[in-house]
C-alpha cells in the first residue's frame, strides 16, 4: 500500500512527456540572426527607447539576450516571467474549453499541468517562441533581419505562435489575427 501511494504521489511531480520535450532545434538562419541581433544589442548604435526595451522582461530582446545566461539575475527574472505567461495562457485556454467558449487557438485537448520540478519547467513556452520565430523567418525572411520586431513585447509573438501551432481554422480569419504577423 505504501508503495502504491509513493508511486501515485511521485507521478504528481513529473511533467507529462510532451511538456518535457527537448529544446527547439533552431534553424541555421535563426541561429545566424540571433548572433547578429546580439551584436546589434551590444552596439552603440541603439536608440534610447531600444536600450530601455532591452531591460524589460517582456521584451523579445530581453529574451534573446538572457535565455542562455543561467547565472544572471535577468535569467531568473525571465524564467519567472515565462512560467507566469505559460501558466496563464494554458490555464486560460483550458477554462475556455471546459466552459464551451470558442477559444482563439485550439490545442488537441486540454493542456496538462507543467511541473515546477521538471528539468526546465518553461521549456514549452520557450520552444513556442523559438518555433514561432523560425516560422516567421521562413515566411518573411526580410522582416526579422531588419530588427523591426526585435524590440517588441513578446505577447504578440506568443499569441501568434499559439494560433499557428494550434489553429482553430484552416485559414485564420483576418479579424482573429494578431498584429502584422504573416499568416
N, C-alpha and C. Protein backbone atom coordinates (compact mmCIF):
# COMPACT_ATOMS: atom_id res chain seq x y z
N UNK A 1 0.82 -1.20 0.00
CA UNK A 1 0.00 0.00 0.00
C UNK A 1 0.86 1.26 0.00
N UNK A 2 1.93 1.25 0.83
CA UNK A 2 2.82 2.40 0.88
C UNK A 2 3.49 2.62 -0.47
N UNK A 3 3.84 1.53 -1.12
CA UNK A 3 4.49 1.62 -2.42
C UNK A 3 3.55 2.26 -3.45
N UNK A 4 2.27 1.91 -3.41
CA UNK A 4 1.28 2.47 -4.33
C UNK A 4 1.14 3.97 -4.11
N UNK A 5 1.05 4.39 -2.85
CA UNK A 5 0.94 5.82 -2.55
C UNK A 5 2.18 6.58 -3.01
N UNK A 6 3.34 5.98 -2.80
CA UNK A 6 4.58 6.62 -3.23
C UNK A 6 4.59 6.82 -4.74
N UNK A 7 4.18 5.81 -5.48
CA UNK A 7 4.16 5.90 -6.95
C UNK A 7 3.15 6.96 -7.39
N UNK A 8 1.97 6.96 -6.80
CA UNK A 8 0.97 7.95 -7.17
C UNK A 8 1.42 9.37 -6.87
N UNK A 9 1.99 9.57 -5.70
CA UNK A 9 2.46 10.92 -5.35
C UNK A 9 3.63 11.36 -6.22
N UNK A 10 4.53 10.46 -6.54
CA UNK A 10 5.67 10.84 -7.39
C UNK A 10 5.22 11.21 -8.79
N UNK A 11 4.12 10.63 -9.26
CA UNK A 11 3.61 10.97 -10.59
C UNK A 11 3.07 12.40 -10.63
N UNK A 12 2.64 12.93 -9.50
CA UNK A 12 2.16 14.30 -9.46
C UNK A 12 3.26 15.32 -9.71
N UNK A 13 4.48 14.94 -9.42
CA UNK A 13 5.59 15.88 -9.54
C UNK A 13 6.37 15.74 -10.84
N UNK A 14 5.87 14.96 -11.75
CA UNK A 14 6.53 14.77 -13.04
C UNK A 14 5.67 15.40 -14.12
N UNK A 15 6.27 16.24 -14.94
CA UNK A 15 5.53 16.84 -16.05
C UNK A 15 5.28 15.79 -17.12
N UNK A 16 4.22 15.92 -17.87
CA UNK A 16 3.98 14.99 -18.97
C UNK A 16 5.13 14.99 -19.97
N UNK A 17 5.26 13.91 -20.71
CA UNK A 17 6.39 13.78 -21.65
C UNK A 17 6.43 14.91 -22.66
N UNK A 18 5.25 15.36 -23.17
CA UNK A 18 5.25 16.41 -24.19
C UNK A 18 5.68 17.74 -23.60
N UNK A 19 5.54 17.92 -22.29
CA UNK A 19 5.94 19.18 -21.66
C UNK A 19 7.44 19.18 -21.39
N UNK A 20 8.07 18.01 -21.43
CA UNK A 20 9.49 17.92 -21.14
C UNK A 20 10.32 17.74 -22.40
N UNK A 21 9.73 17.95 -23.54
CA UNK A 21 10.48 17.75 -24.78
C UNK A 21 11.71 18.63 -24.79
N UNK A 22 12.67 18.24 -25.58
CA UNK A 22 13.93 18.97 -25.62
C UNK A 22 13.80 20.37 -26.19
N UNK A 23 14.90 21.05 -26.18
CA UNK A 23 14.95 22.41 -26.70
C UNK A 23 14.69 22.41 -28.20
N UNK A 24 13.96 23.41 -28.66
CA UNK A 24 13.67 23.55 -30.08
C UNK A 24 14.97 23.64 -30.85
N UNK A 25 15.10 22.87 -31.92
CA UNK A 25 16.28 22.93 -32.77
C UNK A 25 16.11 24.08 -33.76
N UNK A 26 16.75 25.18 -33.45
CA UNK A 26 16.64 26.38 -34.29
C UNK A 26 17.29 26.14 -35.64
N UNK A 27 16.73 26.76 -36.65
CA UNK A 27 17.29 26.67 -37.99
C UNK A 27 18.63 27.42 -38.02
N UNK A 28 19.50 27.08 -38.98
CA UNK A 28 20.75 27.84 -39.11
C UNK A 28 20.49 29.33 -39.36
N UNK A 29 19.41 29.64 -40.07
CA UNK A 29 19.08 31.04 -40.34
C UNK A 29 18.72 31.79 -39.04
N UNK A 30 17.96 31.12 -38.17
CA UNK A 30 17.61 31.76 -36.90
C UNK A 30 18.83 31.88 -36.00
N UNK A 31 19.67 30.86 -35.96
CA UNK A 31 20.91 30.95 -35.17
C UNK A 31 21.76 32.12 -35.65
N UNK A 32 21.89 32.27 -36.96
CA UNK A 32 22.69 33.38 -37.52
C UNK A 32 22.06 34.72 -37.17
N UNK A 33 20.74 34.79 -37.23
CA UNK A 33 20.06 36.04 -36.89
C UNK A 33 20.27 36.38 -35.42
N UNK A 34 20.21 35.40 -34.55
CA UNK A 34 20.41 35.64 -33.12
C UNK A 34 21.81 36.19 -32.86
N UNK A 35 22.80 35.64 -33.53
CA UNK A 35 24.18 36.15 -33.39
C UNK A 35 24.24 37.62 -33.83
N UNK A 36 23.63 37.92 -34.97
CA UNK A 36 23.61 39.31 -35.47
C UNK A 36 22.89 40.24 -34.50
N UNK A 37 21.76 39.76 -33.97
CA UNK A 37 21.00 40.60 -33.04
C UNK A 37 21.77 40.87 -31.76
N UNK A 38 22.44 39.86 -31.23
CA UNK A 38 23.23 40.07 -30.01
C UNK A 38 24.34 41.08 -30.26
N UNK A 39 24.94 41.02 -31.44
CA UNK A 39 25.95 42.03 -31.79
C UNK A 39 25.32 43.41 -31.88
N UNK A 40 24.15 43.47 -32.49
CA UNK A 40 23.44 44.74 -32.61
C UNK A 40 23.07 45.28 -31.23
N UNK A 41 22.59 44.40 -30.34
CA UNK A 41 22.22 44.83 -28.99
C UNK A 41 23.42 45.37 -28.22
N UNK A 42 24.62 44.87 -28.53
CA UNK A 42 25.83 45.32 -27.84
C UNK A 42 26.44 46.58 -28.45
N UNK A 43 25.90 47.03 -29.57
CA UNK A 43 26.49 48.18 -30.26
C UNK A 43 26.07 49.50 -29.62
N UNK A 44 26.73 50.54 -30.01
CA UNK A 44 26.41 51.89 -29.54
C UNK A 44 25.40 52.58 -30.46
N UNK A 45 24.91 51.87 -31.47
CA UNK A 45 24.01 52.46 -32.46
C UNK A 45 22.54 52.39 -32.08
N UNK A 46 22.24 52.06 -30.84
CA UNK A 46 20.84 51.87 -30.44
C UNK A 46 20.21 53.18 -29.99
N UNK A 47 18.92 53.29 -30.24
CA UNK A 47 18.17 54.43 -29.75
C UNK A 47 17.92 54.22 -28.25
N UNK A 48 17.64 55.29 -27.55
CA UNK A 48 17.37 55.22 -26.11
C UNK A 48 16.19 54.30 -25.81
N UNK A 49 15.17 54.38 -26.63
CA UNK A 49 13.99 53.53 -26.41
C UNK A 49 14.34 52.06 -26.59
N UNK A 50 15.24 51.71 -27.51
CA UNK A 50 15.66 50.33 -27.69
C UNK A 50 16.46 49.85 -26.48
N UNK A 51 17.32 50.70 -25.96
CA UNK A 51 18.09 50.34 -24.76
C UNK A 51 17.15 50.09 -23.58
N UNK A 52 16.11 50.90 -23.46
CA UNK A 52 15.14 50.72 -22.38
C UNK A 52 14.37 49.42 -22.59
N UNK A 53 14.01 49.13 -23.83
CA UNK A 53 13.28 47.89 -24.12
C UNK A 53 14.08 46.66 -23.72
N UNK A 54 15.39 46.73 -23.88
CA UNK A 54 16.24 45.59 -23.56
C UNK A 54 16.30 45.30 -22.07
N UNK A 55 15.78 46.17 -21.24
CA UNK A 55 15.76 45.94 -19.79
C UNK A 55 14.39 45.45 -19.31
N UNK A 56 13.44 45.31 -20.22
CA UNK A 56 12.08 44.90 -19.85
C UNK A 56 11.91 43.41 -20.11
N UNK A 57 11.53 42.69 -19.07
CA UNK A 57 11.46 41.23 -19.13
C UNK A 57 10.49 40.71 -20.18
N UNK A 58 9.49 41.48 -20.55
CA UNK A 58 8.52 41.02 -21.54
C UNK A 58 8.91 41.39 -22.96
N UNK A 59 10.12 41.87 -23.15
CA UNK A 59 10.57 42.29 -24.48
C UNK A 59 11.37 41.16 -25.13
N UNK A 60 11.18 40.97 -26.43
CA UNK A 60 11.87 39.90 -27.13
C UNK A 60 13.39 40.06 -27.07
N UNK A 61 13.88 41.28 -27.07
CA UNK A 61 15.33 41.49 -26.97
C UNK A 61 15.85 40.96 -25.63
N UNK A 62 15.11 41.13 -24.55
CA UNK A 62 15.49 40.62 -23.23
C UNK A 62 15.57 39.10 -23.28
N UNK A 63 14.58 38.46 -23.90
CA UNK A 63 14.57 37.00 -24.06
C UNK A 63 15.82 36.54 -24.81
N UNK A 64 16.10 37.16 -25.94
CA UNK A 64 17.24 36.76 -26.76
C UNK A 64 18.55 36.96 -26.01
N UNK A 65 18.66 38.04 -25.26
CA UNK A 65 19.89 38.34 -24.53
C UNK A 65 20.15 37.41 -23.35
N UNK A 66 19.11 37.01 -22.63
CA UNK A 66 19.32 36.34 -21.35
C UNK A 66 18.87 34.90 -21.26
N UNK A 67 18.21 34.34 -22.26
CA UNK A 67 17.70 32.97 -22.15
C UNK A 67 18.85 31.96 -22.04
N UNK A 68 20.02 32.31 -22.50
CA UNK A 68 21.15 31.39 -22.43
C UNK A 68 22.20 31.82 -21.40
N UNK A 69 21.79 32.62 -20.39
CA UNK A 69 22.72 33.07 -19.35
C UNK A 69 22.16 32.73 -17.97
N UNK A 70 22.20 31.43 -17.61
CA UNK A 70 21.54 30.99 -16.37
C UNK A 70 22.12 31.53 -15.07
N UNK A 71 23.29 32.08 -15.09
CA UNK A 71 23.89 32.58 -13.85
C UNK A 71 23.64 34.06 -13.60
N UNK A 72 22.66 34.62 -14.27
CA UNK A 72 22.38 36.05 -14.11
C UNK A 72 21.03 36.27 -13.44
N UNK A 73 20.87 37.39 -12.75
CA UNK A 73 19.55 37.70 -12.17
C UNK A 73 18.49 37.91 -13.27
N UNK A 74 18.91 38.42 -14.43
CA UNK A 74 17.97 38.62 -15.54
C UNK A 74 17.39 37.29 -16.03
N UNK A 75 18.20 36.25 -16.05
CA UNK A 75 17.73 34.93 -16.44
C UNK A 75 16.65 34.44 -15.48
N UNK A 76 16.89 34.60 -14.20
CA UNK A 76 15.91 34.17 -13.19
C UNK A 76 14.61 34.97 -13.33
N UNK A 77 14.73 36.25 -13.58
CA UNK A 77 13.56 37.09 -13.80
C UNK A 77 12.81 36.64 -15.06
N UNK A 78 13.55 36.35 -16.12
CA UNK A 78 12.96 35.88 -17.36
C UNK A 78 12.23 34.55 -17.16
N UNK A 79 12.84 33.62 -16.46
CA UNK A 79 12.22 32.31 -16.23
C UNK A 79 10.93 32.46 -15.42
N UNK A 80 10.92 33.36 -14.44
CA UNK A 80 9.69 33.59 -13.66
C UNK A 80 8.61 34.18 -14.56
N UNK A 81 8.99 35.11 -15.40
CA UNK A 81 8.03 35.70 -16.35
C UNK A 81 7.49 34.63 -17.30
N UNK A 82 8.37 33.79 -17.86
CA UNK A 82 7.95 32.75 -18.79
C UNK A 82 7.02 31.74 -18.11
N UNK A 83 7.30 31.41 -16.86
CA UNK A 83 6.45 30.49 -16.12
C UNK A 83 5.04 31.08 -15.98
N UNK A 84 4.97 32.34 -15.61
CA UNK A 84 3.67 33.00 -15.46
C UNK A 84 2.91 33.08 -16.77
N UNK A 85 3.61 33.43 -17.84
CA UNK A 85 2.97 33.51 -19.16
C UNK A 85 2.45 32.14 -19.58
N UNK A 86 3.29 31.13 -19.41
CA UNK A 86 2.90 29.76 -19.78
C UNK A 86 1.67 29.32 -18.99
N UNK A 87 1.68 29.55 -17.70
CA UNK A 87 0.56 29.14 -16.86
C UNK A 87 -0.72 29.91 -17.21
N UNK A 88 -0.58 31.20 -17.49
CA UNK A 88 -1.79 31.99 -17.76
C UNK A 88 -2.41 31.61 -19.11
N UNK A 89 -1.61 31.44 -20.14
CA UNK A 89 -2.17 31.06 -21.44
C UNK A 89 -2.76 29.66 -21.41
N UNK A 90 -2.02 28.70 -20.86
CA UNK A 90 -2.54 27.33 -20.86
C UNK A 90 -3.73 27.19 -19.92
N UNK A 91 -3.67 27.85 -18.77
CA UNK A 91 -4.82 27.81 -17.86
C UNK A 91 -6.04 28.48 -18.45
N UNK A 92 -5.84 29.63 -19.10
CA UNK A 92 -6.96 30.36 -19.70
C UNK A 92 -7.63 29.59 -20.81
N UNK A 93 -6.84 28.95 -21.66
CA UNK A 93 -7.45 28.21 -22.78
C UNK A 93 -8.17 26.96 -22.25
N UNK A 94 -7.61 26.36 -21.20
CA UNK A 94 -8.29 25.21 -20.60
C UNK A 94 -9.67 25.62 -20.06
N UNK A 95 -9.75 26.79 -19.40
CA UNK A 95 -11.05 27.25 -18.87
C UNK A 95 -12.02 27.51 -20.02
N UNK A 96 -11.53 28.09 -21.11
CA UNK A 96 -12.41 28.33 -22.26
C UNK A 96 -12.96 27.01 -22.81
N UNK A 97 -12.10 26.02 -22.94
CA UNK A 97 -12.53 24.73 -23.48
C UNK A 97 -13.52 24.06 -22.52
N UNK A 98 -13.21 24.08 -21.21
CA UNK A 98 -14.08 23.44 -20.22
C UNK A 98 -15.46 24.09 -20.15
N UNK A 99 -15.55 25.38 -20.42
CA UNK A 99 -16.83 26.09 -20.33
C UNK A 99 -17.49 26.29 -21.69
N UNK A 100 -16.98 25.59 -22.70
CA UNK A 100 -17.54 25.61 -24.05
C UNK A 100 -17.52 26.99 -24.70
N UNK A 101 -16.53 27.78 -24.37
CA UNK A 101 -16.32 29.07 -25.03
C UNK A 101 -15.42 28.80 -26.23
N UNK A 102 -15.73 29.40 -27.36
CA UNK A 102 -14.90 29.19 -28.55
C UNK A 102 -13.53 29.82 -28.29
N UNK A 103 -12.47 29.02 -28.27
CA UNK A 103 -11.14 29.56 -27.98
C UNK A 103 -10.53 30.27 -29.19
N UNK A 104 -9.48 31.04 -28.97
CA UNK A 104 -8.80 31.75 -30.05
C UNK A 104 -7.64 30.94 -30.61
N UNK A 105 -7.29 29.84 -29.95
CA UNK A 105 -6.42 28.82 -30.54
C UNK A 105 -6.91 27.49 -30.01
N UNK A 106 -6.65 26.41 -30.74
CA UNK A 106 -7.31 25.13 -30.45
C UNK A 106 -6.31 23.99 -30.28
N UNK A 107 -5.82 23.81 -29.06
CA UNK A 107 -4.94 22.66 -28.84
C UNK A 107 -5.74 21.36 -28.92
N UNK A 108 -5.09 20.26 -29.19
CA UNK A 108 -5.81 18.98 -29.29
C UNK A 108 -6.15 18.44 -27.90
N UNK A 109 -7.13 19.02 -27.24
CA UNK A 109 -7.49 18.65 -25.87
C UNK A 109 -6.94 19.68 -24.90
N UNK A 110 -7.06 19.36 -23.62
CA UNK A 110 -6.59 20.30 -22.59
C UNK A 110 -5.08 20.22 -22.44
N UNK A 111 -4.48 21.36 -22.09
CA UNK A 111 -3.08 21.34 -21.69
C UNK A 111 -3.02 20.76 -20.30
N UNK A 112 -2.11 19.88 -20.07
CA UNK A 112 -1.92 19.31 -18.73
C UNK A 112 -0.96 20.20 -17.97
N UNK A 113 -0.93 20.02 -16.68
CA UNK A 113 -0.09 20.86 -15.83
C UNK A 113 1.39 20.73 -16.14
N UNK A 114 2.09 21.79 -15.89
CA UNK A 114 3.54 21.81 -16.05
C UNK A 114 4.13 21.84 -14.66
N UNK A 115 5.05 20.97 -14.39
CA UNK A 115 5.61 20.85 -13.05
C UNK A 115 6.79 21.78 -12.84
N UNK A 116 6.81 22.40 -11.67
CA UNK A 116 7.99 23.18 -11.27
C UNK A 116 9.20 22.26 -11.13
N UNK A 117 8.95 20.97 -10.98
CA UNK A 117 10.03 20.01 -10.74
C UNK A 117 10.63 19.45 -12.02
N UNK A 118 10.08 19.82 -13.15
CA UNK A 118 10.67 19.37 -14.42
C UNK A 118 12.06 19.99 -14.55
N UNK A 119 12.90 19.38 -15.33
CA UNK A 119 14.25 19.91 -15.52
C UNK A 119 14.22 21.35 -16.02
N UNK A 120 13.33 21.64 -16.96
CA UNK A 120 13.14 23.01 -17.44
C UNK A 120 11.63 23.25 -17.52
N UNK A 121 11.02 23.76 -16.46
CA UNK A 121 9.56 23.89 -16.44
C UNK A 121 8.99 24.87 -17.47
N UNK A 122 9.80 25.72 -18.05
CA UNK A 122 9.31 26.67 -19.06
C UNK A 122 9.68 26.25 -20.48
N UNK A 123 10.10 25.01 -20.64
CA UNK A 123 10.54 24.54 -21.96
C UNK A 123 9.44 24.67 -23.01
N UNK A 124 8.20 24.43 -22.63
CA UNK A 124 7.08 24.50 -23.58
C UNK A 124 6.98 25.90 -24.19
N UNK A 125 6.96 26.94 -23.39
CA UNK A 125 6.78 28.30 -23.90
C UNK A 125 8.05 28.77 -24.62
N UNK A 126 9.23 28.36 -24.14
CA UNK A 126 10.48 28.70 -24.83
C UNK A 126 10.48 28.10 -26.24
N UNK A 127 10.09 26.83 -26.34
CA UNK A 127 10.04 26.19 -27.66
C UNK A 127 9.04 26.88 -28.57
N UNK A 128 7.90 27.29 -28.00
CA UNK A 128 6.90 28.00 -28.80
C UNK A 128 7.49 29.30 -29.36
N UNK A 129 8.24 30.03 -28.55
CA UNK A 129 8.86 31.29 -29.00
C UNK A 129 9.86 31.02 -30.12
N UNK A 130 10.76 30.05 -29.91
CA UNK A 130 11.78 29.75 -30.94
C UNK A 130 11.12 29.25 -32.22
N UNK A 131 10.15 28.35 -32.08
CA UNK A 131 9.48 27.81 -33.26
C UNK A 131 8.76 28.92 -34.04
N UNK A 132 8.11 29.82 -33.32
CA UNK A 132 7.40 30.92 -33.97
C UNK A 132 8.36 31.84 -34.70
N UNK A 133 9.49 32.15 -34.08
CA UNK A 133 10.50 32.97 -34.75
C UNK A 133 11.02 32.28 -36.01
N UNK A 134 11.25 30.98 -35.91
CA UNK A 134 11.71 30.22 -37.07
C UNK A 134 10.68 30.26 -38.20
N UNK A 135 9.42 30.05 -37.87
CA UNK A 135 8.36 30.06 -38.88
C UNK A 135 8.24 31.44 -39.51
N UNK A 136 8.28 32.48 -38.68
CA UNK A 136 8.16 33.84 -39.23
C UNK A 136 9.36 34.19 -40.11
N UNK A 137 10.54 33.72 -39.74
CA UNK A 137 11.73 33.96 -40.55
C UNK A 137 11.61 33.27 -41.91
N UNK A 138 10.98 32.10 -41.94
CA UNK A 138 10.75 31.40 -43.21
C UNK A 138 9.70 32.13 -44.05
N UNK A 139 8.65 32.58 -43.40
CA UNK A 139 7.55 33.24 -44.13
C UNK A 139 7.91 34.64 -44.58
N UNK A 140 8.67 35.36 -43.76
CA UNK A 140 9.05 36.74 -44.08
C UNK A 140 10.55 36.92 -43.84
N UNK A 141 11.38 36.37 -44.71
CA UNK A 141 12.82 36.38 -44.47
C UNK A 141 13.43 37.77 -44.35
N UNK A 142 12.78 38.78 -44.89
CA UNK A 142 13.36 40.12 -44.82
C UNK A 142 12.81 40.96 -43.67
N UNK A 143 11.92 40.42 -42.87
CA UNK A 143 11.34 41.19 -41.78
C UNK A 143 12.22 41.17 -40.53
N UNK A 144 12.48 40.00 -40.00
CA UNK A 144 13.23 39.91 -38.75
C UNK A 144 14.67 40.41 -38.86
N UNK A 145 15.38 40.14 -39.97
CA UNK A 145 16.75 40.63 -40.04
C UNK A 145 16.87 42.15 -39.90
N UNK A 146 15.83 42.87 -40.24
CA UNK A 146 15.87 44.32 -40.09
C UNK A 146 15.77 44.72 -38.62
N UNK A 147 15.36 43.77 -37.77
CA UNK A 147 15.27 44.04 -36.35
C UNK A 147 14.01 44.79 -35.95
N UNK A 148 13.07 44.93 -36.88
CA UNK A 148 11.87 45.70 -36.60
C UNK A 148 11.12 45.12 -35.39
N UNK A 149 10.97 43.82 -35.36
CA UNK A 149 10.21 43.19 -34.29
C UNK A 149 11.03 42.75 -33.11
N UNK A 150 12.30 43.03 -33.14
CA UNK A 150 13.17 42.51 -32.08
C UNK A 150 13.17 43.35 -30.81
N UNK A 151 12.45 44.45 -30.80
CA UNK A 151 12.35 45.28 -29.60
C UNK A 151 10.89 45.39 -29.15
N UNK A 152 10.06 44.44 -29.55
CA UNK A 152 8.64 44.48 -29.22
C UNK A 152 8.34 43.54 -28.06
N UNK A 153 7.24 43.80 -27.36
CA UNK A 153 6.81 42.85 -26.32
C UNK A 153 6.54 41.47 -26.91
N UNK A 154 6.77 40.45 -26.11
CA UNK A 154 6.62 39.07 -26.59
C UNK A 154 5.17 38.62 -26.67
N UNK A 155 4.23 39.35 -26.10
CA UNK A 155 2.85 38.89 -26.05
C UNK A 155 2.29 38.61 -27.45
N UNK A 156 2.52 39.49 -28.41
CA UNK A 156 2.02 39.27 -29.77
C UNK A 156 2.66 38.06 -30.41
N UNK A 157 3.95 37.90 -30.22
CA UNK A 157 4.67 36.74 -30.77
C UNK A 157 4.12 35.45 -30.19
N UNK A 158 3.88 35.42 -28.89
CA UNK A 158 3.37 34.21 -28.23
C UNK A 158 1.95 33.92 -28.71
N UNK A 159 1.12 34.93 -28.80
CA UNK A 159 -0.25 34.72 -29.29
C UNK A 159 -0.24 34.20 -30.73
N UNK A 160 0.59 34.79 -31.56
CA UNK A 160 0.74 34.33 -32.95
C UNK A 160 1.22 32.87 -32.96
N UNK A 161 2.17 32.55 -32.11
CA UNK A 161 2.69 31.19 -32.03
C UNK A 161 1.62 30.17 -31.69
N UNK A 162 0.78 30.51 -30.70
CA UNK A 162 -0.32 29.61 -30.35
C UNK A 162 -1.28 29.45 -31.52
N UNK A 163 -1.58 30.53 -32.21
CA UNK A 163 -2.53 30.45 -33.32
C UNK A 163 -2.01 29.62 -34.49
N UNK A 164 -0.72 29.72 -34.80
CA UNK A 164 -0.22 28.94 -35.94
C UNK A 164 0.12 27.51 -35.56
N UNK A 165 0.43 27.28 -34.29
CA UNK A 165 0.72 25.91 -33.84
C UNK A 165 -0.57 25.12 -33.57
N UNK A 166 -1.57 25.79 -33.06
CA UNK A 166 -2.85 25.16 -32.72
C UNK A 166 -4.00 25.93 -33.37
N UNK A 167 -4.07 25.95 -34.70
CA UNK A 167 -5.12 26.76 -35.36
C UNK A 167 -6.52 26.17 -35.16
N UNK A 168 -7.50 27.05 -35.07
CA UNK A 168 -8.91 26.64 -34.99
C UNK A 168 -9.53 26.55 -36.37
N UNK A 169 -8.90 27.20 -37.33
CA UNK A 169 -9.45 27.28 -38.68
C UNK A 169 -8.36 26.91 -39.67
N UNK A 170 -8.78 26.45 -40.84
CA UNK A 170 -7.81 26.17 -41.89
C UNK A 170 -7.09 27.46 -42.28
N UNK A 171 -7.85 28.53 -42.41
CA UNK A 171 -7.31 29.86 -42.64
C UNK A 171 -7.84 30.75 -41.52
N UNK A 172 -6.94 31.36 -40.78
CA UNK A 172 -7.35 32.20 -39.66
C UNK A 172 -7.99 33.47 -40.20
N UNK A 173 -9.23 33.76 -39.79
CA UNK A 173 -9.91 34.96 -40.29
C UNK A 173 -9.15 36.23 -39.92
N UNK A 174 -9.13 37.23 -40.81
CA UNK A 174 -8.41 38.47 -40.53
C UNK A 174 -8.76 39.11 -39.18
N UNK A 175 -10.01 39.02 -38.77
CA UNK A 175 -10.42 39.63 -37.50
C UNK A 175 -9.80 38.92 -36.30
N UNK A 176 -9.32 37.69 -36.45
CA UNK A 176 -8.75 36.92 -35.36
C UNK A 176 -7.22 36.98 -35.35
N UNK A 177 -6.64 37.58 -36.34
CA UNK A 177 -5.18 37.60 -36.46
C UNK A 177 -4.54 38.58 -35.49
N UNK A 178 -3.33 38.26 -35.11
CA UNK A 178 -2.58 39.09 -34.17
C UNK A 178 -1.62 39.99 -34.93
N UNK A 179 -1.77 41.29 -34.77
CA UNK A 179 -0.82 42.25 -35.31
C UNK A 179 -0.50 42.08 -36.78
N UNK A 180 0.75 42.28 -37.11
CA UNK A 180 1.21 42.25 -38.51
C UNK A 180 1.96 40.95 -38.84
N UNK A 181 1.64 39.87 -38.15
CA UNK A 181 2.34 38.63 -38.41
C UNK A 181 1.88 38.00 -39.72
N UNK A 182 2.71 37.14 -40.29
CA UNK A 182 2.43 36.50 -41.59
C UNK A 182 1.63 35.22 -41.37
N UNK A 183 0.41 35.21 -41.81
CA UNK A 183 -0.45 34.03 -41.65
C UNK A 183 -0.52 33.22 -42.92
